[in-house]
Amino acid sequence: MVEGNPRVQQGFGERIDLLLQKSVRAASRLVKERQKEAREKGMHQEPPSFEEFNALVNELMENGKRTDLDRLRNLSMKELFEQTWSQKLRNYAIQRQIKDAYDALVRRSKRDS
């Protein structure tokens, strides 16, 4: 268990929140682009399942996490970042944010079709 500076951990938490927001927006944007391309070709494309959307968000977040970890030089800082990451991802609010973004995407998709 890594004991860290609460301010550093808070900074990591804020960084993780930002990564989540960026990842959710990027995943939504990718899905909308795919649907737009399908419409332009005269095809209808259903929105992905929640599991597919969640996997896309997680993939984007993992890419950001690797980038952030690569920037950290100190092993204890990397461990603290990993610990903060694990705590954040278990947080209900994080899961709720992904679900809300997915629900908005599905509503928009139904409206546009």
PDB file of N, CA and C in Angstrom:
ATOM      1  N   MET A   1       0.850  -1.178   0.000  1.00  0.00           N
ATOM      2  CA  MET A   1       0.000   0.000   0.000  1.00  0.00           C
ATOM      3  C   MET A   1       0.889   1.232   0.000  1.00  0.00           C
ATOM      4  N   VAL A   2       0.596   2.149  -0.865  1.00  0.00           N
ATOM      5  CA  VAL A   2       1.387   3.364  -0.990  1.00  0.00           C
ATOM      6  C   VAL A   2       0.690   4.479  -0.221  1.00  0.00           C
ATOM      7  N   GLU A   3       1.420   5.102   0.666  1.00  0.00           N
ATOM      8  CA  GLU A   3       0.898   6.280   1.353  1.00  0.00           C
ATOM      9  C   GLU A   3       1.411   7.487   0.584  1.00  0.00           C
ATOM     10  N   GLY A   4       0.523   8.359   0.208  1.00  0.00           N
ATOM     11  CA  GLY A   4       0.962   9.498  -0.581  1.00  0.00           C
ATOM     12  C   GLY A   4       0.457  10.800  -0.021  1.00  0.00           C
ATOM     13  N   ASN A   5       0.974  11.823  -0.573  1.00  0.00           N
ATOM     14  CA  ASN A   5       0.560  13.173  -0.242  1.00  0.00           C
ATOM     15  C   ASN A   5      -0.891  13.341  -0.694  1.00  0.00           C
ATOM     16  N   PRO A   6      -1.778  13.735   0.213  1.00  0.00           N
ATOM     17  CA  PRO A   6      -3.197  13.883  -0.177  1.00  0.00           C
ATOM     18  C   PRO A   6      -3.393  14.866  -1.333  1.00  0.00           C
ATOM     19  N   ARG A   7      -2.566  15.901  -1.398  1.00  0.00           N
ATOM     20  CA  ARG A   7      -2.700  16.856  -2.506  1.00  0.00           C
ATOM     21  C   ARG A   7      -2.314  16.229  -3.836  1.00  0.00           C
ATOM     22  N   VAL A   8      -1.274  15.403  -3.805  1.00  0.00           N
ATOM     23  CA  VAL A   8      -0.852  14.711  -5.028  1.00  0.00           C
ATOM     24  C   VAL A   8      -1.952  13.750  -5.460  1.00  0.00           C
ATOM     25  N   GLN A   9      -2.488  13.013  -4.485  1.00  0.00           N
ATOM     26  CA  GLN A   9      -3.548  12.064  -4.804  1.00  0.00           C
ATOM     27  C   GLN A   9      -4.785  12.796  -5.344  1.00  0.00           C
ATOM     28  N   GLN A  10      -5.100  13.959  -4.773  1.00  0.00           N
ATOM     29  CA  GLN A  10      -6.230  14.747  -5.266  1.00  0.00           C
ATOM     30  C   GLN A  10      -5.951  15.196  -6.700  1.00  0.00           C
ATOM     31  N   GLY A  11      -4.714  15.601  -6.969  1.00  0.00           N
ATOM     32  CA  GLY A  11      -4.340  15.995  -8.330  1.00  0.00           C
ATOM     33  C   GLY A  11      -4.492  14.839  -9.302  1.00  0.00           C
ATOM     34  N   PHE A  12      -4.084  13.646  -8.866  1.00  0.00           N
ATOM     35  CA  PHE A  12      -4.265  12.464  -9.712  1.00  0.00           C
ATOM     36  C   PHE A  12      -5.754  12.207  -9.930  1.00  0.00           C
ATOM     37  N   GLY A  13      -6.543  12.360  -8.872  1.00  0.00           N
ATOM     38  CA  GLY A  13      -7.989  12.150  -8.995  1.00  0.00           C
ATOM     39  C   GLY A  13      -8.610  13.104  -9.995  1.00  0.00           C
ATOM     40  N   GLU A  14      -8.183  14.352  -9.950  1.00  0.00           N
ATOM     41  CA  GLU A  14      -8.686  15.345 -10.907  1.00  0.00           C
ATOM     42  C   GLU A  14      -8.256  14.990 -12.323  1.00  0.00           C
ATOM     43  N   ARG A  15      -7.021  14.510 -12.462  1.00  0.00           N
ATOM     44  CA  ARG A  15      -6.517  14.114 -13.784  1.00  0.00           C
ATOM     45  C   ARG A  15      -7.326  12.930 -14.320  1.00  0.00           C
ATOM     46  N   ILE A  16      -7.642  11.996 -13.449  1.00  0.00           N
ATOM     47  CA  ILE A  16      -8.419  10.824 -13.858  1.00  0.00           C
ATOM     48  C   ILE A  16      -9.832  11.239 -14.253  1.00  0.00           C
ATOM     49  N   ASP A  17     -10.430  12.166 -13.494  1.00  0.00           N
ATOM     50  CA  ASP A  17     -11.760  12.692 -13.854  1.00  0.00           C
ATOM     51  C   ASP A  17     -11.723  13.321 -15.236  1.00  0.00           C
ATOM     52  N   LEU A  18     -10.685  14.099 -15.501  1.00  0.00           N
ATOM     53  CA  LEU A  18     -10.537  14.742 -16.811  1.00  0.00           C
ATOM     54  C   LEU A  18     -10.367  13.699 -17.912  1.00  0.00           C
ATOM     55  N   LEU A  19      -9.560  12.679 -17.647  1.00  0.00           N
ATOM     56  CA  LEU A  19      -9.384  11.595 -18.616  1.00  0.00           C
ATOM     57  C   LEU A  19     -10.712  10.911 -18.920  1.00  0.00           C
ATOM     58  N   LEU A  20     -11.506  10.691 -17.877  1.00  0.00           N
ATOM     59  CA  LEU A  20     -12.813  10.060 -18.078  1.00  0.00           C
ATOM     60  C   LEU A  20     -13.689  10.936 -18.966  1.00  0.00           C
ATOM     61  N   GLN A  21     -13.766  12.221 -18.648  1.00  0.00           N
ATOM     62  CA  GLN A  21     -14.604  13.128 -19.437  1.00  0.00           C
ATOM     63  C   GLN A  21     -14.161  13.151 -20.896  1.00  0.00           C
ATOM     64  N   LYS A  22     -12.860  13.239 -21.117  1.00  0.00           N
ATOM     65  CA  LYS A  22     -12.344  13.246 -22.493  1.00  0.00           C
ATOM     66  C   LYS A  22     -12.648  11.939 -23.200  1.00  0.00           C
ATOM     67  N   SER A  23     -12.502  10.824 -22.484  1.00  0.00           N
ATOM     68  CA  SER A  23     -12.742   9.513 -23.085  1.00  0.00           C
ATOM     69  C   SER A  23     -14.207   9.312 -23.440  1.00  0.00           C
ATOM     70  N   VAL A  24     -15.094   9.757 -22.560  1.00  0.00           N
ATOM     71  CA  VAL A  24     -16.539   9.641 -22.827  1.00  0.00           C
ATOM     72  C   VAL A  24     -16.902  10.489 -24.047  1.00  0.00           C
ATOM     73  N   ARG A  25     -16.390  11.720 -24.089  1.00  0.00           N
ATOM     74  CA  ARG A  25     -16.689  12.584 -25.250  1.00  0.00           C
ATOM     75  C   ARG A  25     -16.115  11.994 -26.543  1.00  0.00           C
ATOM     76  N   ALA A  26     -14.901  11.469 -26.464  1.00  0.00           N
ATOM     77  CA  ALA A  26     -14.283  10.883 -27.659  1.00  0.00           C
ATOM     78  C   ALA A  26     -15.053   9.652 -28.123  1.00  0.00           C
ATOM     79  N   ALA A  27     -15.479   8.809 -27.198  1.00  0.00           N
ATOM     80  CA  ALA A  27     -16.244   7.611 -27.572  1.00  0.00           C
ATOM     81  C   ALA A  27     -17.576   8.009 -28.201  1.00  0.00           C
ATOM     82  N   SER A  28     -18.242   8.993 -27.618  1.00  0.00           N
ATOM     83  CA  SER A  28     -19.515   9.474 -28.181  1.00  0.00           C
ATOM     84  C   SER A  28     -19.296  10.028 -29.584  1.00  0.00           C
ATOM     85  N   ARG A  29     -18.235  10.792 -29.745  1.00  0.00           N
ATOM     86  CA  ARG A  29     -17.920  11.380 -31.050  1.00  0.00           C
ATOM     87  C   ARG A  29     -17.650  10.291 -32.090  1.00  0.00           C
ATOM     88  N   LEU A  30     -16.900   9.251 -31.705  1.00  0.00           N
ATOM     89  CA  LEU A  30     -16.617   8.146 -32.640  1.00  0.00           C
ATOM     90  C   LEU A  30     -17.905   7.443 -33.068  1.00  0.00           C
ATOM     91  N   VAL A  31     -18.776   7.185 -32.114  1.00  0.00           N
ATOM     92  CA  VAL A  31     -20.036   6.512 -32.428  1.00  0.00           C
ATOM     93  C   VAL A  31     -20.881   7.382 -33.356  1.00  0.00           C
ATOM     94  N   LYS A  32     -20.969   8.679 -33.058  1.00  0.00           N
ATOM     95  CA  LYS A  32     -21.761   9.582 -33.905  1.00  0.00           C
ATOM     96  C   LYS A  32     -21.184   9.657 -35.325  1.00  0.00           C
ATOM     97  N   GLU A  33     -19.856   9.666 -35.430  1.00  0.00           N
ATOM     98  CA  GLU A  33     -19.228   9.703 -36.752  1.00  0.00           C
ATOM     99  C   GLU A  33     -19.559   8.443 -37.546  1.00  0.00           C
ATOM    100  N   ARG A  34     -19.513   7.294 -36.880  1.00  0.00           N
ATOM    101  CA  ARG A  34     -19.856   6.031 -37.558  1.00  0.00           C
ATOM    102  C   ARG A  34     -21.305   6.037 -38.027  1.00  0.00           C
ATOM    103  N   GLN A  35     -22.191   6.544 -37.180  1.00  0.00           N
ATOM    104  CA  GLN A  35     -23.606   6.599 -37.554  1.00  0.00           C
ATOM    105  C   GLN A  35     -23.825   7.569 -38.705  1.00  0.00           C
ATOM    106  N   LYS A  36     -23.135   8.701 -38.681  1.00  0.00           N
ATOM    107  CA  LYS A  36     -23.263   9.686 -39.758  1.00  0.00           C
ATOM    108  C   LYS A  36     -22.770   9.094 -41.074  1.00  0.00           C
ATOM    109  N   GLU A  37     -21.631   8.406 -41.037  1.00  0.00           N
ATOM    110  CA  GLU A  37     -21.105   7.767 -42.243  1.00  0.00           C
ATOM    111  C   GLU A  37     -22.096   6.736 -42.785  1.00  0.00           C
ATOM    112  N   ALA A  38     -22.698   5.970 -41.891  1.00  0.00           N
ATOM    113  CA  ALA A  38     -23.673   4.963 -42.318  1.00  0.00           C
ATOM    114  C   ALA A  38     -24.882   5.634 -42.967  1.00  0.00           C
ATOM    115  N   ARG A  39     -25.384   6.727 -42.358  1.00  0.00           N
ATOM    116  CA  ARG A  39     -26.526   7.450 -42.937  1.00  0.00           C
ATOM    117  C   ARG A  39     -26.184   8.003 -44.314  1.00  0.00           C
ATOM    118  N   GLU A  40     -24.970   8.532 -44.458  1.00  0.00           N
ATOM    119  CA  GLU A  40     -24.562   9.083 -45.750  1.00  0.00           C
ATOM    120  C   GLU A  40     -24.513   8.009 -46.830  1.00  0.00           C
ATOM    121  N   LYS A  41     -24.275   6.769 -46.425  1.00  0.00           N
ATOM    122  CA  LYS A  41     -24.248   5.644 -47.363  1.00  0.00           C
ATOM    123  C   LYS A  41     -25.627   5.016 -47.526  1.00  0.00           C
ATOM    124  N   GLY A  42     -26.633   5.629 -46.871  1.00  0.00           N
ATOM    125  CA  GLY A  42     -27.990   5.125 -46.978  1.00  0.00           C
ATOM    126  C   GLY A  42     -28.268   3.924 -46.099  1.00  0.00           C
ATOM    127  N   MET A  43     -27.406   3.689 -45.131  1.00  0.00           N
ATOM    128  CA  MET A  43     -27.583   2.548 -44.235  1.00  0.00           C
ATOM    129  C   MET A  43     -27.988   3.069 -42.863  1.00  0.00           C
ATOM    130  N   HIS A  44     -28.609   2.202 -42.104  1.00  0.00           N
ATOM    131  CA  HIS A  44     -28.956   2.548 -40.727  1.00  0.00           C
ATOM    132  C   HIS A  44     -28.043   1.758 -39.805  1.00  0.00           C
ATOM    133  N   GLN A  45     -27.436   2.435 -38.864  1.00  0.00           N
ATOM    134  CA  GLN A  45     -26.577   1.747 -37.906  1.00  0.00           C
ATOM    135  C   GLN A  45     -27.097   1.991 -36.501  1.00  0.00           C
ATOM    136  N   GLU A  46     -27.400   0.911 -35.825  1.00  0.00           N
ATOM    137  CA  GLU A  46     -27.852   0.997 -34.440  1.00  0.00           C
ATOM    138  C   GLU A  46     -26.693   1.456 -33.570  1.00  0.00           C
ATOM    139  N   PRO A  47     -27.009   2.142 -32.482  1.00  0.00           N
ATOM    140  CA  PRO A  47     -25.934   2.493 -31.560  1.00  0.00           C
ATOM    141  C   PRO A  47     -25.342   1.223 -30.951  1.00  0.00           C
ATOM    142  N   PRO A  48     -24.106   1.288 -30.493  1.00  0.00           N
ATOM    143  CA  PRO A  48     -23.508   0.092 -29.886  1.00  0.00           C
ATOM    144  C   PRO A  48     -24.243  -0.254 -28.597  1.00  0.00           C
ATOM    145  N   SER A  49     -24.032  -1.467 -28.136  1.00  0.00           N
ATOM    146  CA  SER A  49     -24.592  -1.841 -26.831  1.00  0.00           C
ATOM    147  C   SER A  49     -23.833  -1.068 -25.755  1.00  0.00           C
ATOM    148  N   PHE A  50     -24.402  -1.037 -24.561  1.00  0.00           N
ATOM    149  CA  PHE A  50     -23.710  -0.357 -23.465  1.00  0.00           C
ATOM    150  C   PHE A  50     -22.344  -0.989 -23.225  1.00  0.00           C
ATOM    151  N   GLU A  51     -22.273  -2.307 -23.319  1.00  0.00           N
ATOM    152  CA  GLU A  51     -21.007  -3.004 -23.087  1.00  0.00           C
ATOM    153  C   GLU A  51     -19.962  -2.573 -24.113  1.00  0.00           C
ATOM    154  N   GLU A  52     -20.370  -2.429 -25.378  1.00  0.00           N
ATOM    155  CA  GLU A  52     -19.434  -1.979 -26.422  1.00  0.00           C
ATOM    156  C   GLU A  52     -18.989  -0.540 -26.173  1.00  0.00           C
ATOM    157  N   PHE A  53     -19.938   0.308 -25.814  1.00  0.00           N
ATOM    158  CA  PHE A  53     -19.614   1.709 -25.531  1.00  0.00           C
ATOM    159  C   PHE A  53     -18.676   1.803 -24.331  1.00  0.00           C
ATOM    160  N   ASN A  54     -18.987   1.061 -23.280  1.00  0.00           N
ATOM    161  CA  ASN A  54     -18.159   1.052 -22.081  1.00  0.00           C
ATOM    162  C   ASN A  54     -16.743   0.553 -22.403  1.00  0.00           C
ATOM    163  N   ALA A  55     -16.647  -0.476 -23.238  1.00  0.00           N
ATOM    164  CA  ALA A  55     -15.333  -1.003 -23.634  1.00  0.00           C
ATOM    165  C   ALA A  55     -14.542   0.058 -24.402  1.00  0.00           C
ATOM    166  N   LEU A  56     -15.218   0.809 -25.262  1.00  0.00           N
ATOM    167  CA  LEU A  56     -14.555   1.873 -26.016  1.00  0.00           C
ATOM    168  C   LEU A  56     -14.058   2.967 -25.074  1.00  0.00           C
ATOM    169  N   VAL A  57     -14.897   3.373 -24.140  1.00  0.00           N
ATOM    170  CA  VAL A  57     -14.482   4.381 -23.149  1.00  0.00           C
ATOM    171  C   VAL A  57     -13.276   3.865 -22.364  1.00  0.00           C
ATOM    172  N   ASN A  58     -13.352   2.609 -21.914  1.00  0.00           N
ATOM    173  CA  ASN A  58     -12.246   2.038 -21.137  1.00  0.00           C
ATOM    174  C   ASN A  58     -10.951   1.966 -21.944  1.00  0.00           C
ATOM    175  N   GLU A  59     -11.066   1.623 -23.219  1.00  0.00           N
ATOM    176  CA  GLU A  59      -9.873   1.576 -24.081  1.00  0.00           C
ATOM    177  C   GLU A  59      -9.235   2.967 -24.195  1.00  0.00           C
ATOM    178  N   LEU A  60     -10.062   3.972 -24.404  1.00  0.00           N
ATOM    179  CA  LEU A  60      -9.540   5.338 -24.501  1.00  0.00           C
ATOM    180  C   LEU A  60      -8.927   5.788 -23.176  1.00  0.00           C
ATOM    181  N   MET A  61      -9.571   5.426 -22.078  1.00  0.00           N
ATOM    182  CA  MET A  61      -9.033   5.785 -20.764  1.00  0.00           C
ATOM    183  C   MET A  61      -7.703   5.082 -20.503  1.00  0.00           C
ATOM    184  N   GLU A  62      -7.613   3.823 -20.866  1.00  0.00           N
ATOM    185  CA  GLU A  62      -6.355   3.080 -20.669  1.00  0.00           C
ATOM    186  C   GLU A  62      -5.217   3.707 -21.464  1.00  0.00           C
ATOM    187  N   ASN A  63      -5.520   4.160 -22.673  1.00  0.00           N
ATOM    188  CA  ASN A  63      -4.490   4.839 -23.475  1.00  0.00           C
ATOM    189  C   ASN A  63      -3.997   6.091 -22.759  1.00  0.00           C
ATOM    190  N   GLY A  64      -4.919   6.864 -22.211  1.00  0.00           N
ATOM    191  CA  GLY A  64      -4.550   8.062 -21.470  1.00  0.00           C
ATOM    192  C   GLY A  64      -3.784   7.727 -20.202  1.00  0.00           C
ATOM    193  N   LYS A  65      -4.196   6.658 -19.550  1.00  0.00           N
ATOM    194  CA  LYS A  65      -3.517   6.220 -18.319  1.00  0.00           C
ATOM    195  C   LYS A  65      -2.070   5.852 -18.620  1.00  0.00           C
ATOM    196  N   ARG A  66      -1.852   5.092 -19.685  1.00  0.00           N
ATOM    197  CA  ARG A  66      -0.480   4.700 -20.042  1.00  0.00           C
ATOM    198  C   ARG A  66       0.384   5.927 -20.315  1.00  0.00           C
ATOM    199  N   THR A  67      -0.191   6.894 -21.001  1.00  0.00           N
ATOM    200  CA  THR A  67       0.536   8.132 -21.285  1.00  0.00           C
ATOM    201  C   THR A  67       0.918   8.837 -19.991  1.00  0.00           C
ATOM    202  N   ASP A  68      -0.042   8.956 -19.079  1.00  0.00           N
ATOM    203  CA  ASP A  68       0.231   9.619 -17.799  1.00  0.00           C
ATOM    204  C   ASP A  68       1.262   8.848 -16.985  1.00  0.00           C
ATOM    205  N   LEU A  69       1.147   7.522 -16.957  1.00  0.00           N
ATOM    206  CA  LEU A  69       2.120   6.720 -16.206  1.00  0.00           C
ATOM    207  C   LEU A  69       3.518   6.861 -16.787  1.00  0.00           C
ATOM    208  N   ASP A  70       3.608   6.924 -18.105  1.00  0.00           N
ATOM    209  CA  ASP A  70       4.914   7.080 -18.745  1.00  0.00           C
ATOM    210  C   ASP A  70       5.579   8.401 -18.360  1.00  0.00           C
ATOM    211  N   ARG A  71       4.783   9.402 -18.057  1.00  0.00           N
ATOM    212  CA  ARG A  71       5.332  10.710 -17.673  1.00  0.00           C
ATOM    213  C   ARG A  71       5.875  10.714 -16.249  1.00  0.00           C
ATOM    214  N   LEU A  72       5.363   9.807 -15.425  1.00  0.00           N
ATOM    215  CA  LEU A  72       5.811   9.751 -14.034  1.00  0.00           C
ATOM    216  C   LEU A  72       7.137   8.987 -13.957  1.00  0.00           C
ATOM    217  N   ARG A  73       8.112   9.559 -13.314  1.00  0.00           N
ATOM    218  CA  ARG A  73       9.434   8.942 -13.233  1.00  0.00           C
ATOM    219  C   ARG A  73       9.608   8.125 -11.953  1.00  0.00           C
ATOM    220  N   ASN A  74       8.979   8.555 -10.886  1.00  0.00           N
ATOM    221  CA  ASN A  74       9.154   7.964  -9.570  1.00  0.00           C
ATOM    222  C   ASN A  74       8.215   6.765  -9.405  1.00  0.00           C
ATOM    223  N   LEU A  75       8.767   5.626  -8.992  1.00  0.00           N
ATOM    224  CA  LEU A  75       7.969   4.410  -8.830  1.00  0.00           C
ATOM    225  C   LEU A  75       6.846   4.602  -7.819  1.00  0.00           C
ATOM    226  N   SER A  76       7.112   5.287  -6.722  1.00  0.00           N
ATOM    227  CA  SER A  76       6.057   5.469  -5.720  1.00  0.00           C
ATOM    228  C   SER A  76       4.936   6.355  -6.267  1.00  0.00           C
ATOM    229  N   MET A  77       5.272   7.307  -7.119  1.00  0.00           N
ATOM    230  CA  MET A  77       4.237   8.139  -7.746  1.00  0.00           C
ATOM    231  C   MET A  77       3.400   7.299  -8.714  1.00  0.00           C
ATOM    232  N   LYS A  78       4.056   6.417  -9.443  1.00  0.00           N
ATOM    233  CA  LYS A  78       3.317   5.524 -10.347  1.00  0.00           C
ATOM    234  C   LYS A  78       2.365   4.638  -9.553  1.00  0.00           C
ATOM    235  N   GLU A  79       2.837   4.115  -8.430  1.00  0.00           N
ATOM    236  CA  GLU A  79       1.991   3.270  -7.589  1.00  0.00           C
ATOM    237  C   GLU A  79       0.817   4.065  -7.024  1.00  0.00           C
ATOM    238  N   LEU A  80       1.080   5.297  -6.615  1.00  0.00           N
ATOM    239  CA  LEU A  80       0.009   6.147  -6.091  1.00  0.00           C
ATOM    240  C   LEU A  80      -1.018   6.446  -7.188  1.00  0.00           C
ATOM    241  N   PHE A  81      -0.540   6.700  -8.398  1.00  0.00           N
ATOM    242  CA  PHE A  81      -1.451   6.941  -9.519  1.00  0.00           C
ATOM    243  C   PHE A  81      -2.314   5.707  -9.770  1.00  0.00           C
ATOM    244  N   GLU A  82      -1.687   4.532  -9.782  1.00  0.00           N
ATOM    245  CA  GLU A  82      -2.425   3.271  -9.994  1.00  0.00           C
ATOM    246  C   GLU A  82      -3.469   3.061  -8.895  1.00  0.00           C
ATOM    247  N   GLN A  83      -3.096   3.335  -7.656  1.00  0.00           N
ATOM    248  CA  GLN A  83      -4.017   3.175  -6.531  1.00  0.00           C
ATOM    249  C   GLN A  83      -5.201   4.130  -6.675  1.00  0.00           C
ATOM    250  N   THR A  84      -4.907   5.375  -7.008  1.00  0.00           N
ATOM    251  CA  THR A  84      -5.967   6.371  -7.193  1.00  0.00           C
ATOM    252  C   THR A  84      -6.864   5.958  -8.354  1.00  0.00           C
ATOM    253  N   TRP A  85      -6.260   5.460  -9.420  1.00  0.00           N
ATOM    254  CA  TRP A  85      -6.994   4.989 -10.596  1.00  0.00           C
ATOM    255  C   TRP A  85      -7.984   3.898 -10.193  1.00  0.00           C
ATOM    256  N   SER A  86      -7.509   2.909  -9.451  1.00  0.00           N
ATOM    257  CA  SER A  86      -8.371   1.799  -9.034  1.00  0.00           C
ATOM    258  C   SER A  86      -9.536   2.291  -8.180  1.00  0.00           C
ATOM    259  N   GLN A  87      -9.243   3.184  -7.260  1.00  0.00           N
ATOM    260  CA  GLN A  87     -10.302   3.719  -6.403  1.00  0.00           C
ATOM    261  C   GLN A  87     -11.324   4.496  -7.218  1.00  0.00           C
ATOM    262  N   LYS A  88     -10.847   5.298  -8.141  1.00  0.00           N
ATOM    263  CA  LYS A  88     -11.743   6.129  -8.956  1.00  0.00           C
ATOM    264  C   LYS A  88     -12.665   5.273  -9.813  1.00  0.00           C
ATOM    265  N   LEU A  89     -12.121   4.239 -10.437  1.00  0.00           N
ATOM    266  CA  LEU A  89     -12.923   3.439 -11.357  1.00  0.00           C
ATOM    267  C   LEU A  89     -13.978   2.612 -10.642  1.00  0.00           C
ATOM    268  N   ARG A  90     -13.795   2.372  -9.355  1.00  0.00           N
ATOM    269  CA  ARG A  90     -14.815   1.658  -8.584  1.00  0.00           C
ATOM    270  C   ARG A  90     -15.904   2.605  -8.108  1.00  0.00           C
ATOM    271  N   ASN A  91     -15.683   3.877  -8.281  1.00  0.00           N
ATOM    272  CA  ASN A  91     -16.600   4.907  -7.808  1.00  0.00           C
ATOM    273  C   ASN A  91     -17.896   4.864  -8.628  1.00  0.00           C
ATOM    274  N   TYR A  92     -19.020   4.840  -7.938  1.00  0.00           N
ATOM    275  CA  TYR A  92     -20.327   4.791  -8.598  1.00  0.00           C
ATOM    276  C   TYR A  92     -20.520   5.976  -9.544  1.00  0.00           C
ATOM    277  N   ALA A  93     -20.058   7.163  -9.145  1.00  0.00           N
ATOM    278  CA  ALA A  93     -20.259   8.362  -9.970  1.00  0.00           C
ATOM    279  C   ALA A  93     -19.604   8.211 -11.335  1.00  0.00           C
ATOM    280  N   ILE A  94     -18.461   7.564 -11.378  1.00  0.00           N
ATOM    281  CA  ILE A  94     -17.763   7.342 -12.650  1.00  0.00           C
ATOM    282  C   ILE A  94     -18.621   6.446 -13.544  1.00  0.00           C
ATOM    283  N   GLN A  95     -19.106   5.338 -12.993  1.00  0.00           N
ATOM    284  CA  GLN A  95     -19.934   4.420 -13.767  1.00  0.00           C
ATOM    285  C   GLN A  95     -21.232   5.095 -14.209  1.00  0.00           C
ATOM    286  N   ARG A  96     -21.775   5.942 -13.355  1.00  0.00           N
ATOM    287  CA  ARG A  96     -23.003   6.671 -13.676  1.00  0.00           C
ATOM    288  C   ARG A  96     -22.768   7.631 -14.833  1.00  0.00           C
ATOM    289  N   GLN A  97     -21.608   8.279 -14.846  1.00  0.00           N
ATOM    290  CA  GLN A  97     -21.289   9.228 -15.915  1.00  0.00           C
ATOM    291  C   GLN A  97     -21.209   8.517 -17.265  1.00  0.00           C
ATOM    292  N   ILE A  98     -20.616   7.345 -17.290  1.00  0.00           N
ATOM    293  CA  ILE A  98     -20.537   6.575 -18.539  1.00  0.00           C
ATOM    294  C   ILE A  98     -21.941   6.162 -18.980  1.00  0.00           C
ATOM    295  N   LYS A  99     -22.755   5.698 -18.037  1.00  0.00           N
ATOM    296  CA  LYS A  99     -24.122   5.259 -18.364  1.00  0.00           C
ATOM    297  C   LYS A  99     -24.964   6.434 -18.869  1.00  0.00           C
ATOM    298  N   ASP A 100     -24.835   7.590 -18.225  1.00  0.00           N
ATOM    299  CA  ASP A 100     -25.576   8.776 -18.669  1.00  0.00           C
ATOM    300  C   ASP A 100     -25.181   9.183 -20.083  1.00  0.00           C
ATOM    301  N   ALA A 101     -23.901   9.140 -20.378  1.00  0.00           N
ATOM    302  CA  ALA A 101     -23.426   9.489 -21.725  1.00  0.00           C
ATOM    303  C   ALA A 101     -23.970   8.502 -22.750  1.00  0.00           C
ATOM    304  N   TYR A 102     -23.997   7.226 -22.383  1.00  0.00           N
ATOM    305  CA  TYR A 102     -24.531   6.210 -23.283  1.00  0.00           C
ATOM    306  C   TYR A 102     -26.019   6.436 -23.527  1.00  0.00           C
ATOM    307  N   ASP A 103     -26.766   6.697 -22.457  1.00  0.00           N
ATOM    308  CA  ASP A 103     -28.205   6.937 -22.597  1.00  0.00           C
ATOM    309  C   ASP A 103     -28.481   8.138 -23.499  1.00  0.00           C
ATOM    310  N   ALA A 104     -27.700   9.193 -23.353  1.00  0.00           N
ATOM    311  CA  ALA A 104     -27.860  10.376 -24.203  1.00  0.00           C
ATOM    312  C   ALA A 104     -27.567  10.029 -25.653  1.00  0.00           C
ATOM    313  N   LEU A 105     -26.562   9.201 -25.875  1.00  0.00           N
ATOM    314  CA  LEU A 105     -26.201   8.781 -27.227  1.00  0.00           C
ATOM    315  C   LEU A 105     -27.337   7.984 -27.868  1.00  0.00           C
ATOM    316  N   VAL A 106     -27.941   7.097 -27.116  1.00  0.00           N
ATOM    317  CA  VAL A 106     -29.043   6.272 -27.635  1.00  0.00           C
ATOM    318  C   VAL A 106     -30.257   7.165 -27.936  1.00  0.00           C
ATOM    319  N   ARG A 107     -30.574   8.079 -27.028  1.00  0.00           N
ATOM    320  CA  ARG A 107     -31.710   8.990 -27.283  1.00  0.00           C
ATOM    321  C   ARG A 107     -31.480   9.804 -28.556  1.00  0.00           C
ATOM    322  N   ARG A 108     -30.293  10.316 -28.714  1.00  0.00           N
ATOM    323  CA  ARG A 108     -29.965  11.128 -29.893  1.00  0.00           C
ATOM    324  C   ARG A 108     -30.037  10.267 -31.151  1.00  0.00           C
ATOM    325  N   SER A 109     -29.579   9.032 -31.044  1.00  0.00           N
ATOM    326  CA  SER A 109     -29.611   8.129 -32.184  1.00  0.00           C
ATOM    327  C   SER A 109     -31.050   7.840 -32.621  1.00  0.00           C
ATOM    328  N   LYS A 110     -31.933   7.614 -31.660  1.00  0.00           N
ATOM    329  CA  LYS A 110     -33.345   7.350 -31.980  1.00  0.00           C
ATOM    330  C   LYS A 110     -33.998   8.576 -32.594  1.00  0.00           C
ATOM    331  N   ARG A 111     -33.630   9.739 -32.090  1.00  0.00           N
ATOM    332  CA  ARG A 111     -34.192  10.990 -32.607  1.00  0.00           C
ATOM    333  C   ARG A 111     -33.742  11.236 -34.055  1.00  0.00           C
ATOM    334  N   ASP A 112     -32.488  10.884 -34.343  1.00  0.00           N
ATOM    335  CA  ASP A 112     -31.937  11.154 -35.672  1.00  0.00           C
ATOM    336  C   ASP A 112     -32.377  10.146 -36.723  1.00  0.00           C
ATOM    337  N   SER A 113     -32.890   8.991 -36.290  1.00  0.00           N
ATOM    338  CA  SER A 113     -33.250   7.985 -37.293  1.00  0.00           C
ATOM    339  C   SER A 113     -34.656   8.109 -37.773  1.00  0.00           C
TER     340      SER A 113
END
